[in-house]
N, C-alpha and C. Protein backbone atom coordinates (compact mmCIF):
# COMPACT_ATOMS: atom_id res chain seq x y z
N UNK A 1 -17.15 14.38 6.15
CA UNK A 1 -16.71 13.32 5.52
C UNK A 1 -16.55 13.94 3.96
N UNK A 2 -15.76 14.19 3.55
CA UNK A 2 -15.44 14.70 2.34
C UNK A 2 -16.01 13.65 1.65
N UNK A 3 -15.74 14.48 -0.08
CA UNK A 3 -16.48 13.53 -1.07
C UNK A 3 -15.53 11.94 -1.28
N UNK A 4 -14.09 12.31 -1.14
CA UNK A 4 -13.75 10.95 -1.57
C UNK A 4 -14.19 10.13 -0.68
N UNK A 5 -13.73 10.52 0.79
CA UNK A 5 -13.74 9.51 1.93
C UNK A 5 -15.30 9.01 1.75
N UNK A 6 -16.29 9.91 1.45
CA UNK A 6 -17.85 9.01 1.33
C UNK A 6 -17.77 7.70 0.55
N UNK A 7 -17.00 7.96 -0.84
CA UNK A 7 -17.02 6.85 -1.69
C UNK A 7 -16.90 5.80 -1.60
N UNK A 8 -15.51 6.29 -0.59
CA UNK A 8 -14.94 4.48 -0.35
C UNK A 8 -15.50 3.95 0.84
N UNK A 9 -16.21 5.04 1.94
CA UNK A 9 -17.00 4.63 2.81
C UNK A 9 -18.46 3.64 2.38
N UNK A 10 -19.12 4.50 1.27
CA UNK A 10 -20.38 3.81 1.06
C UNK A 10 -19.70 2.66 0.39
N UNK A 11 -18.38 2.53 -0.44
CA UNK A 11 -18.37 1.06 -1.09
C UNK A 11 -18.26 0.19 -0.28
N UNK A 12 -17.44 0.40 0.98
CA UNK A 12 -16.94 -0.63 1.42
C UNK A 12 -18.08 -1.46 2.40
N UNK A 13 -19.08 -0.64 2.71
CA UNK A 13 -20.47 -1.00 3.37
C UNK A 13 -20.92 -1.95 2.10
N UNK A 14 -21.10 -1.96 1.05
CA UNK A 14 -21.95 -2.19 -0.13
C UNK A 14 -20.85 -3.75 -0.36
N UNK A 15 -19.79 -3.62 -0.11
CA UNK A 15 -19.19 -5.17 -0.47
C UNK A 15 -18.06 -4.63 -1.79
N UNK A 16 -18.31 -3.87 -2.29
CA UNK A 16 -17.72 -3.87 -3.51
C UNK A 16 -16.52 -4.10 -3.47
N UNK A 17 -15.65 -3.81 -2.32
CA UNK A 17 -13.70 -4.42 -2.68
C UNK A 17 -13.79 -5.49 -2.18
N UNK A 18 -14.68 -6.75 -1.87
CA UNK A 18 -14.89 -7.76 -1.30
C UNK A 18 -13.76 -8.78 -2.26
N UNK A 19 -13.96 -8.82 -3.10
CA UNK A 19 -13.39 -9.24 -4.43
C UNK A 19 -11.77 -9.39 -4.49
N UNK A 20 -11.28 -8.30 -3.33
CA UNK A 20 -9.60 -7.91 -3.34
C UNK A 20 -9.36 -9.19 -2.82
N UNK A 21 -9.89 -10.14 -1.90
CA UNK A 21 -9.43 -11.25 -1.23
C UNK A 21 -9.72 -12.78 -2.15
N UNK A 22 -10.24 -12.58 -3.53
CA UNK A 22 -10.27 -13.44 -4.03
C UNK A 22 -9.01 -14.08 -4.54
N UNK A 23 -8.78 -14.86 -5.35
CA UNK A 23 -7.76 -15.16 -6.09
C UNK A 23 -7.07 -15.01 -7.04
N UNK A 24 -7.73 -13.73 -7.67
CA UNK A 24 -7.68 -13.08 -9.05
C UNK A 24 -6.73 -12.21 -8.39
N UNK A 25 -6.64 -11.46 -7.05
CA UNK A 25 -6.11 -10.51 -6.70
C UNK A 25 -4.93 -11.27 -6.40
N UNK A 26 -4.38 -12.56 -5.75
CA UNK A 26 -3.25 -12.75 -5.01
C UNK A 26 -1.86 -12.56 -5.71
N UNK A 27 -1.74 -12.33 -7.14
CA UNK A 27 -0.72 -12.21 -7.41
C UNK A 27 0.32 -11.08 -7.41
N UNK A 28 -0.80 -9.94 -7.28
CA UNK A 28 0.21 -8.78 -7.19
C UNK A 28 -0.09 -8.41 -5.51
N UNK A 29 -0.41 -9.29 -4.49
CA UNK A 29 -0.05 -9.16 -3.30
C UNK A 29 0.98 -9.90 -2.49
N UNK A 30 0.73 -11.37 -3.60
CA UNK A 30 2.04 -12.26 -3.02
C UNK A 30 3.48 -11.45 -3.87
N UNK A 31 3.48 -10.79 -4.84
CA UNK A 31 4.73 -10.04 -5.17
C UNK A 31 5.07 -8.94 -3.73
N UNK A 32 4.31 -8.59 -3.52
CA UNK A 32 4.10 -7.18 -2.31
C UNK A 32 4.60 -7.76 -1.01
N UNK A 33 3.92 -9.29 -0.78
CA UNK A 33 4.67 -9.85 0.52
C UNK A 33 6.06 -10.20 0.43
N UNK A 34 6.47 -10.61 -1.03
CA UNK A 34 7.71 -11.27 -1.01
C UNK A 34 8.75 -10.37 -0.76
N UNK A 35 8.34 -8.63 -1.63
CA UNK A 35 9.40 -7.37 -1.35
C UNK A 35 9.05 -7.31 0.59
N UNK A 36 8.34 -7.32 1.28
CA UNK A 36 8.08 -7.12 2.37
C UNK A 36 9.21 -8.31 3.14
N UNK A 37 8.78 -9.27 3.07
CA UNK A 37 9.44 -10.37 4.06
C UNK A 37 11.04 -10.66 3.38
N UNK A 38 11.23 -11.07 1.97
CA UNK A 38 12.48 -11.79 1.38
C UNK A 38 12.98 -10.92 0.91
N UNK A 39 12.53 -9.72 0.35
CA UNK A 39 13.57 -8.68 -0.47
C UNK A 39 14.12 -7.92 0.90
N UNK A 40 13.25 -6.62 1.23
CA UNK A 40 13.41 -5.97 2.50
C UNK A 40 13.52 -6.33 3.88
N UNK A 41 12.98 -8.13 4.41
CA UNK A 41 13.15 -8.26 5.59
C UNK A 41 12.67 -7.09 6.47
N UNK A 42 11.62 -6.62 6.43
CA UNK A 42 10.73 -5.31 6.87
C UNK A 42 10.66 -6.09 8.45
N UNK A 43 10.85 -5.41 9.23
CA UNK A 43 10.09 -6.09 10.34
C UNK A 43 8.86 -4.98 11.20
N UNK A 44 9.06 -3.98 10.12
CA UNK A 44 7.91 -2.35 10.67
C UNK A 44 7.37 -2.15 9.21
N UNK A 45 6.03 -2.56 9.03
CA UNK A 45 5.49 -1.86 7.82
C UNK A 45 4.36 -1.22 8.22
N UNK A 46 4.15 -0.08 7.30
CA UNK A 46 3.00 0.64 7.18
C UNK A 46 2.84 0.75 5.97
N UNK A 47 1.07 0.77 5.80
CA UNK A 47 0.33 0.12 4.41
C UNK A 47 -0.71 1.09 4.58
N UNK A 48 -0.38 1.96 3.44
CA UNK A 48 -1.32 3.63 3.09
C UNK A 48 -2.43 2.87 2.07
N UNK A 49 -3.40 2.94 2.42
CA UNK A 49 -4.75 2.53 1.90
C UNK A 49 -5.07 0.96 1.80
N UNK A 50 -4.90 0.55 3.03
CA UNK A 50 -4.73 -0.86 3.53
C UNK A 50 -6.55 -1.42 3.76
N UNK A 51 -7.31 -0.76 3.19
CA UNK A 51 -8.42 -1.31 2.76
C UNK A 51 -9.04 -2.11 4.22
N UNK A 52 -9.42 -3.33 3.62
CA UNK A 52 -9.92 -3.97 4.59
C UNK A 52 -9.27 -5.17 5.13
N UNK A 53 -7.90 -5.29 4.67
CA UNK A 53 -6.84 -5.73 5.53
C UNK A 53 -5.68 -7.14 4.70
N UNK A 54 -6.16 -6.79 3.44
CA UNK A 54 -5.54 -8.47 2.60
C UNK A 54 -4.47 -8.64 3.09
N UNK A 55 -3.49 -7.27 2.76
CA UNK A 55 -2.42 -7.70 2.71
C UNK A 55 -1.85 -8.16 4.37
N UNK A 56 -2.51 -7.47 5.22
CA UNK A 56 -2.20 -7.39 6.85
C UNK A 56 -2.57 -9.24 6.82
N UNK A 57 -3.44 -9.85 6.22
CA UNK A 57 -3.67 -11.07 6.48
C UNK A 57 -2.72 -11.98 5.84
N UNK A 58 -2.03 -11.54 4.95
CA UNK A 58 -0.80 -12.47 4.40
C UNK A 58 0.29 -12.14 5.34
N UNK A 59 0.63 -10.61 5.84
CA UNK A 59 1.67 -10.78 6.99
C UNK A 59 1.72 -11.63 8.16
N UNK A 60 0.32 -11.85 8.86
CA UNK A 60 0.25 -12.32 9.99
C UNK A 60 1.14 -13.40 10.27
N UNK A 61 1.07 -14.63 9.34
CA UNK A 61 2.00 -15.32 10.05
C UNK A 61 3.62 -15.26 10.03
N UNK A 62 3.82 -13.94 9.66
CA UNK A 62 5.39 -13.64 9.15
C UNK A 62 5.63 -12.57 10.64
N UNK A 63 4.49 -12.80 11.39
CA UNK A 63 5.02 -11.79 12.90
C UNK A 63 5.70 -10.61 12.68
N UNK A 64 5.42 -9.95 12.40
CA UNK A 64 5.83 -8.28 12.11
C UNK A 64 6.40 -7.75 13.64
N UNK A 65 7.42 -6.90 13.46
CA UNK A 65 7.60 -6.08 15.13
C UNK A 65 6.52 -5.22 15.32
N UNK A 66 5.79 -4.48 13.71
CA UNK A 66 4.76 -3.47 13.74
C UNK A 66 4.36 -3.44 12.19
N UNK A 67 2.86 -3.69 12.44
CA UNK A 67 2.30 -3.31 11.70
C UNK A 67 1.06 -2.31 11.58
N UNK A 68 1.64 -0.95 10.63
CA UNK A 68 0.48 0.15 10.80
C UNK A 68 -0.49 0.32 9.26
N UNK A 69 -2.01 0.17 9.77
CA UNK A 69 -2.35 0.18 8.59
C UNK A 69 -3.32 1.73 9.15
N UNK A 70 -3.37 2.12 7.33
CA UNK A 70 -4.39 3.24 7.27
C UNK A 70 -4.92 3.65 6.46
N UNK A 71 -6.30 3.64 6.07
CA UNK A 71 -7.37 3.79 5.03
C UNK A 71 -8.51 5.38 5.40
N UNK A 72 -8.78 5.70 4.40
CA UNK A 72 -9.76 6.96 4.81
C UNK A 72 -11.17 6.43 4.82
N UNK A 73 -11.15 4.95 5.15
CA UNK A 73 -12.66 4.60 5.09
C UNK A 73 -12.57 3.98 6.41
N UNK A 74 -13.69 4.24 7.48
CA UNK A 74 -14.16 3.79 8.77
C UNK A 74 -14.18 2.29 8.44
N UNK A 75 -15.28 2.26 7.48
CA UNK A 75 -15.63 0.85 7.19
C UNK A 75 -14.55 0.28 6.83
N UNK A 76 -13.73 0.06 6.19
CA UNK A 76 -12.50 -0.93 5.64
C UNK A 76 -11.96 -0.96 7.03
N UNK A 77 -11.33 0.24 8.04
CA UNK A 77 -10.82 -0.37 9.12
C UNK A 77 -11.64 -1.12 9.94
N UNK A 78 -12.42 -0.79 10.42
CA UNK A 78 -13.22 -1.92 10.92
C UNK A 78 -13.54 -3.51 10.25
N UNK A 79 -13.32 -3.50 9.14
CA UNK A 79 -13.21 -4.88 8.31
C UNK A 79 -11.71 -5.31 8.88
N UNK A 80 -10.71 -4.64 8.95
CA UNK A 80 -9.38 -4.44 9.22
C UNK A 80 -9.32 -5.53 10.42
N UNK A 81 -10.11 -4.78 11.20
CA UNK A 81 -9.82 -4.97 13.17
C UNK A 81 -10.11 -6.39 13.05
N UNK A 82 -11.16 -7.03 12.54
CA UNK A 82 -11.20 -8.61 12.55
C UNK A 82 -10.01 -9.42 12.89
N UNK A 83 -8.95 -8.96 12.02
CA UNK A 83 -7.89 -9.49 11.46
C UNK A 83 -6.44 -9.17 12.72
N UNK A 84 -6.75 -7.78 13.46
CA UNK A 84 -6.02 -7.33 14.37
C UNK A 84 -6.20 -7.37 15.84
N UNK A 85 -7.50 -7.50 16.32
CA UNK A 85 -7.67 -7.69 17.57
C UNK A 85 -6.80 -8.61 18.11
N UNK A 86 -6.66 -9.12 17.71
CA UNK A 86 -5.50 -10.32 18.92
C UNK A 86 -4.31 -9.96 18.62
N UNK A 87 -3.92 -8.87 18.25
CA UNK A 87 -2.24 -8.38 17.94
C UNK A 87 -1.82 -7.37 18.47
N UNK A 88 -1.17 -7.39 19.74
CA UNK A 88 -0.74 -6.30 19.87
C UNK A 88 0.06 -4.91 19.37
N UNK A 89 0.75 -5.87 18.30
CA UNK A 89 2.23 -5.29 16.89
C UNK A 89 1.04 -4.49 15.76
N UNK A 90 -0.51 -4.76 16.01
CA UNK A 90 -1.20 -4.00 14.91
C UNK A 90 -2.04 -2.43 15.34
N UNK A 91 -1.85 -1.82 14.48
CA UNK A 91 -2.34 -0.32 14.40
C UNK A 91 -3.19 0.09 13.59
N UNK A 92 -4.51 0.53 13.52
CA UNK A 92 -5.13 1.03 12.72
C UNK A 92 -5.58 2.39 12.76
N UNK A 93 -5.65 3.01 11.58
CA UNK A 93 -6.10 4.42 11.47
C UNK A 93 -6.87 4.72 10.93
N UNK A 94 -7.96 5.47 11.24
CA UNK A 94 -8.69 6.30 9.66
C UNK A 94 -8.05 7.38 9.74
N UNK A 95 -7.40 7.60 8.65
CA UNK A 95 -6.78 8.68 7.66
C UNK A 95 -6.41 9.11 6.70
N UNK A 96 -6.56 10.39 6.10
CA UNK A 96 -6.30 10.49 4.93
C UNK A 96 -4.72 10.42 4.19
N UNK A 97 -4.54 9.74 3.17
CA UNK A 97 -3.17 9.30 3.36
C UNK A 97 -2.14 11.08 2.67
N UNK A 98 -3.38 11.89 2.59
CA UNK A 98 -2.17 13.20 2.14
C UNK A 98 -2.20 13.82 3.32
N UNK A 99 -2.84 13.47 4.87
CA UNK A 99 -2.97 14.22 5.57
C UNK A 99 -1.75 13.49 7.07
N UNK A 100 -1.88 12.40 6.62
CA UNK A 100 -1.33 11.52 7.75
C UNK A 100 0.07 11.53 7.86
N UNK A 101 0.50 11.45 9.29
CA UNK A 101 2.08 11.72 9.79
C UNK A 101 2.38 10.91 10.89
N UNK A 102 3.10 9.51 10.62
CA UNK A 102 3.42 8.89 11.70
C UNK A 102 4.54 9.53 12.78
N UNK A 103 4.46 8.85 14.05
CA UNK A 103 5.87 9.36 14.57
C UNK A 103 6.57 8.02 14.88
N UNK A 104 6.87 7.51 13.74
CA UNK A 104 7.65 6.49 13.86
C UNK A 104 8.68 6.18 12.72
N UNK A 105 9.42 5.71 12.29
CA UNK A 105 9.91 5.27 11.34
C UNK A 105 9.66 3.75 10.69
N UNK A 106 9.96 3.36 9.54
CA UNK A 106 9.05 2.17 8.89
C UNK A 106 10.20 1.29 8.31
N UNK A 107 10.22 0.17 8.02
CA UNK A 107 11.51 -0.36 6.99
C UNK A 107 10.74 -0.32 5.79
N UNK A 108 9.29 -0.48 5.68
CA UNK A 108 8.50 -0.30 3.96
C UNK A 108 7.24 0.58 4.39
N UNK A 109 7.13 1.39 3.32
CA UNK A 109 5.82 1.83 3.07
C UNK A 109 5.37 1.52 1.99
N UNK A 110 4.05 1.06 2.26
CA UNK A 110 3.31 0.08 0.84
C UNK A 110 2.39 1.14 0.77
N UNK A 111 2.33 1.28 -0.43
CA UNK A 111 1.08 1.68 -1.75
C UNK A 111 0.45 0.99 -2.17
N UNK A 112 -0.63 0.10 -2.03
CA UNK A 112 -1.36 -1.00 -3.02
C UNK A 112 -2.45 -0.25 -3.30
N UNK A 113 -2.30 -0.20 -4.49
CA UNK A 113 -3.68 0.35 -5.51
C UNK A 113 -4.17 1.76 -4.73
N UNK A 114 -3.18 2.57 -4.70
CA UNK A 114 -4.20 3.66 -3.84
C UNK A 114 -3.36 4.84 -4.04
N UNK A 115 -1.73 4.85 -4.50
CA UNK A 115 -1.34 6.20 -4.89
C UNK A 115 -1.94 7.00 -5.90
N UNK A 116 -2.75 6.53 -6.70
CA UNK A 116 -3.70 7.24 -7.46
C UNK A 116 -4.38 8.27 -7.15
N UNK A 117 -4.57 7.64 -5.95
CA UNK A 117 -6.22 8.56 -4.89
C UNK A 117 -5.72 9.67 -4.43
N UNK A 118 -4.12 10.12 -4.24
CA UNK A 118 -3.55 10.92 -3.83
C UNK A 118 -4.08 11.99 -4.71
N UNK A 119 -4.12 13.45 -3.95
CA UNK A 119 -3.95 14.53 -4.49
C UNK A 119 -2.54 15.01 -5.39
N UNK A 120 -1.47 14.76 -4.82
CA UNK A 120 -0.26 15.35 -5.38
C UNK A 120 0.61 13.53 -5.44
N UNK A 121 0.54 12.42 -6.34
CA UNK A 121 1.32 11.43 -5.77
C UNK A 121 2.47 11.54 -5.70
N UNK A 122 3.25 12.44 -6.55
CA UNK A 122 4.89 12.54 -6.22
C UNK A 122 4.97 12.82 -4.86
N UNK A 123 4.18 13.84 -4.38
CA UNK A 123 4.72 14.61 -3.41
C UNK A 123 4.68 13.43 -1.95
N UNK A 124 3.39 12.40 -2.27
CA UNK A 124 2.92 11.73 -0.99
C UNK A 124 3.79 10.64 -0.91
N UNK A 125 4.56 10.37 -2.16
CA UNK A 125 5.76 9.27 -2.01
C UNK A 125 6.99 10.12 -1.62
N UNK A 126 7.14 11.41 -2.05
CA UNK A 126 8.51 12.20 -0.98
C UNK A 126 8.21 12.34 -0.16
N UNK A 127 6.74 12.09 0.73
CA UNK A 127 6.71 12.59 2.05
C UNK A 127 6.84 11.20 3.12
N UNK A 128 6.40 10.17 1.90
CA UNK A 128 6.36 8.94 2.76
C UNK A 128 7.81 8.48 2.84
N UNK A 129 8.53 8.84 1.96
CA UNK A 129 10.21 8.75 1.85
C UNK A 129 10.69 8.91 3.44
N UNK A 130 10.12 10.08 3.79
CA UNK A 130 10.83 10.44 4.99
C UNK A 130 10.35 9.97 6.08
N UNK A 131 9.52 9.06 5.92
CA UNK A 131 8.94 7.85 6.94
C UNK A 131 9.85 6.61 7.39
N UNK A 132 10.83 6.45 6.25
CA UNK A 132 11.47 5.42 6.16
C UNK A 132 12.76 5.15 6.83
N UNK A 133 13.28 3.94 7.46
CA UNK A 133 14.48 3.43 8.12
C UNK A 133 15.43 4.05 7.12
N UNK A 134 16.74 4.53 7.41
CA UNK A 134 17.80 4.34 6.83
C UNK A 134 17.59 3.72 5.42
N UNK A 135 17.39 1.97 5.56
CA UNK A 135 17.50 1.29 4.38
C UNK A 135 15.85 1.06 3.74
N UNK A 136 15.57 1.98 4.54
CA UNK A 136 13.69 1.57 4.25
C UNK A 136 13.32 1.61 2.66
N UNK A 137 12.47 1.03 2.14
CA UNK A 137 11.66 0.92 0.57
C UNK A 137 10.29 1.45 0.73
N UNK A 138 9.92 2.34 -0.74
CA UNK A 138 8.41 2.40 -0.73
C UNK A 138 8.06 1.22 -2.18
N UNK A 139 7.20 0.96 -1.62
CA UNK A 139 6.35 -0.47 -2.37
C UNK A 139 5.19 0.13 -2.87
N UNK A 140 5.10 0.01 -4.08
CA UNK A 140 3.98 0.79 -5.07
C UNK A 140 3.40 -0.82 -5.87
N UNK A 141 2.16 -1.12 -5.75
CA UNK A 141 1.35 -1.76 -6.65
C UNK A 141 0.48 -0.73 -7.31
N UNK A 142 0.09 -1.00 -8.68
CA UNK A 142 -0.68 -0.01 -9.61
C UNK A 142 -1.33 -0.65 -10.78
N UNK A 143 -2.46 -0.90 -10.76
CA UNK A 143 -3.30 -1.38 -11.64
C UNK A 143 -3.32 -0.71 -12.70
N UNK A 144 -2.59 -1.21 -14.00
CA UNK A 144 -2.99 -0.67 -15.22
C UNK A 144 -4.45 -0.30 -15.44
N UNK A 145 -5.46 -0.78 -15.11
CA UNK A 145 -6.44 -0.70 -15.75
C UNK A 145 -7.37 0.62 -15.13
N UNK A 146 -6.66 0.78 -13.46
CA UNK A 146 -7.30 1.89 -13.13
C UNK A 146 -6.74 3.11 -12.81
N UNK A 147 -4.99 2.86 -13.37
CA UNK A 147 -4.65 4.17 -13.61
C UNK A 147 -4.93 4.88 -14.73
N UNK A 148 -4.78 3.83 -15.63
CA UNK A 148 -5.43 4.84 -17.22
C UNK A 148 -3.94 5.84 -17.46
N UNK A 149 -3.24 6.11 -17.05
CA UNK A 149 -2.40 6.87 -17.23
C UNK A 149 -1.16 6.53 -18.04
N UNK A 150 0.13 7.18 -18.49
CA UNK A 150 1.02 6.77 -18.98
C UNK A 150 1.81 6.51 -17.90
N UNK A 151 1.75 5.09 -17.72
CA UNK A 151 2.71 4.67 -16.37
C UNK A 151 4.52 4.52 -16.65
N UNK A 152 5.02 4.30 -17.70
CA UNK A 152 6.44 4.67 -17.79
C UNK A 152 6.30 5.94 -17.75
N UNK A 153 5.57 6.69 -17.93
CA UNK A 153 5.63 8.69 -17.79
C UNK A 153 6.35 8.70 -16.38
N UNK A 154 4.81 7.97 -15.48
CA UNK A 154 5.02 8.22 -14.02
C UNK A 154 6.29 7.74 -13.13
N UNK A 155 6.50 6.39 -13.92
CA UNK A 155 7.77 5.70 -13.38
C UNK A 155 9.07 6.77 -13.64
N UNK A 156 9.20 7.41 -15.09
CA UNK A 156 10.47 8.40 -15.32
C UNK A 156 10.01 9.59 -14.09
N UNK A 157 8.85 10.33 -14.02
CA UNK A 157 8.64 11.25 -13.27
C UNK A 157 9.08 10.77 -11.62
N UNK A 158 9.62 9.35 -10.97
CA UNK A 158 9.79 9.20 -10.26
C UNK A 158 11.47 9.16 -9.60
N UNK A 159 12.06 8.87 -10.99
CA UNK A 159 13.59 8.70 -11.21
C UNK A 159 14.19 9.64 -10.55
N UNK A 160 14.31 11.08 -10.88
CA UNK A 160 15.20 12.02 -9.78
C UNK A 160 15.08 11.87 -8.52
N UNK A 161 14.01 11.28 -7.78
CA UNK A 161 14.06 10.93 -6.26
C UNK A 161 14.56 9.63 -5.92
N UNK A 162 14.18 8.87 -6.75
CA UNK A 162 13.96 7.55 -6.43
C UNK A 162 14.58 6.38 -7.31
N UNK A 163 14.97 5.20 -7.09
CA UNK A 163 15.52 4.02 -7.86
C UNK A 163 14.68 2.93 -7.99
N UNK A 164 14.14 2.53 -8.94
CA UNK A 164 13.87 1.32 -9.21
C UNK A 164 14.74 0.23 -8.61
N UNK A 165 14.35 -0.65 -7.37
CA UNK A 165 15.17 -1.76 -7.26
C UNK A 165 14.58 -3.20 -7.75
N UNK A 166 13.56 -3.29 -7.76
CA UNK A 166 12.80 -4.45 -7.82
C UNK A 166 11.66 -3.99 -8.61
N UNK A 167 11.47 -4.96 -9.69
CA UNK A 167 10.18 -4.52 -10.82
C UNK A 167 9.41 -5.25 -11.24
N UNK A 168 7.92 -6.16 -10.89
CA UNK A 168 7.54 -7.13 -11.59
C UNK A 168 6.05 -6.56 -12.09
N UNK A 169 5.49 -7.34 -13.35
CA UNK A 169 4.44 -7.34 -13.88
C UNK A 169 3.77 -8.28 -13.11
N UNK A 170 2.62 -8.65 -12.98
CA UNK A 170 1.66 -9.69 -13.15
C UNK A 170 0.59 -9.31 -13.62
N UNK A 171 -0.30 -10.24 -14.42
CA UNK A 171 -2.05 -10.11 -14.83
C UNK A 171 -2.32 -11.14 -14.28
N UNK A 172 -3.89 -11.17 -13.99
CA UNK A 172 -4.82 -12.38 -13.79
C UNK A 172 -5.49 -12.70 -14.92
N UNK A 173 -6.75 -13.70 -14.62
CA UNK A 173 -7.27 -14.15 -15.80
C UNK A 173 -8.23 -13.02 -16.23
N UNK A 174 -8.45 -12.38 -15.78
CA UNK A 174 -9.15 -11.41 -16.22
C UNK A 174 -8.99 -10.32 -16.87
N UNK A 175 -8.08 -10.53 -16.80
CA UNK A 175 -6.97 -9.71 -18.01
C UNK A 175 -6.49 -8.22 -17.15
N UNK A 176 -6.39 -8.38 -16.15
CA UNK A 176 -5.75 -6.86 -14.94
C UNK A 176 -4.71 -7.15 -15.00
N UNK A 177 -4.12 -6.16 -15.02
CA UNK A 177 -2.16 -6.02 -14.84
C UNK A 177 -1.45 -5.06 -14.15
N UNK A 178 -1.03 -5.57 -13.07
CA UNK A 178 -0.57 -4.61 -12.10
C UNK A 178 1.29 -4.74 -12.42
N UNK A 179 1.68 -3.09 -12.36
CA UNK A 179 3.15 -2.76 -12.04
C UNK A 179 3.17 -3.07 -10.59
N UNK A 180 4.30 -3.73 -10.04
CA UNK A 180 4.76 -3.73 -8.34
C UNK A 180 6.19 -3.35 -8.61
N UNK A 181 6.40 -1.98 -8.07
CA UNK A 181 7.81 -1.85 -8.01
C UNK A 181 8.34 -1.80 -6.12
N UNK A 182 9.55 -1.91 -6.01
CA UNK A 182 10.07 -1.18 -4.67
C UNK A 182 10.67 -0.06 -5.48
N UNK A 183 10.80 1.48 -4.42
CA UNK A 183 11.72 2.13 -4.84
C UNK A 183 12.48 2.56 -3.58
N UNK A 184 13.59 3.01 -3.93
CA UNK A 184 14.09 3.58 -2.67
C UNK A 184 15.00 4.60 -2.91
N UNK A 185 15.00 5.56 -1.93
CA UNK A 185 15.60 6.81 -2.21
C UNK A 185 16.78 7.17 -2.79
N UNK A 186 16.80 7.92 -3.62
CA UNK A 186 18.30 8.21 -4.13
C UNK A 186 19.49 9.22 -3.16
N UNK A 187 20.53 8.91 -3.07
CA UNK A 187 21.45 9.55 -2.21
C UNK A 187 21.01 10.85 -2.68
N UNK A 188 21.41 11.83 -1.37
CA UNK A 188 21.73 13.34 -1.96
C UNK A 188 23.19 13.75 -2.24
């Protein structure tokens, strides 16, 4: 197990990420849900860095054709299984986002607070764009207080390859702010 995987494994075992299911985290999750269900009308979703399954839990009532979640933490995937066990349309994988490569295409690929964990974030987006159906979209949720970089510069770096179709910013009562975007690949 590499250093990054060990960190996430230990964190999930200690319950460090349980707060992601709290109402304070709901804003950015609901924006992602809205993009998936109402804007993209997605039937096939790949959730990169799915963690313990918060987005999966919100998506269950919408009966997707396929949900694939992946996370580097075996414990996070184990926690997600409590939601997935009774659903044949759900697959969960213990995998590193920089190595994973699905065998099928998706309407949406979600990077919810995880793109900054990639060794090459822009490369990860380029790779994920290849996993999309022809009209598919990448969804990103980035917490400003976690990213700590120049977020506008980051979005500008994506612009040669991607167009921002939707963009929202949401803050919670604790003072955390997320940028949530839907990116579509620019036509060559």
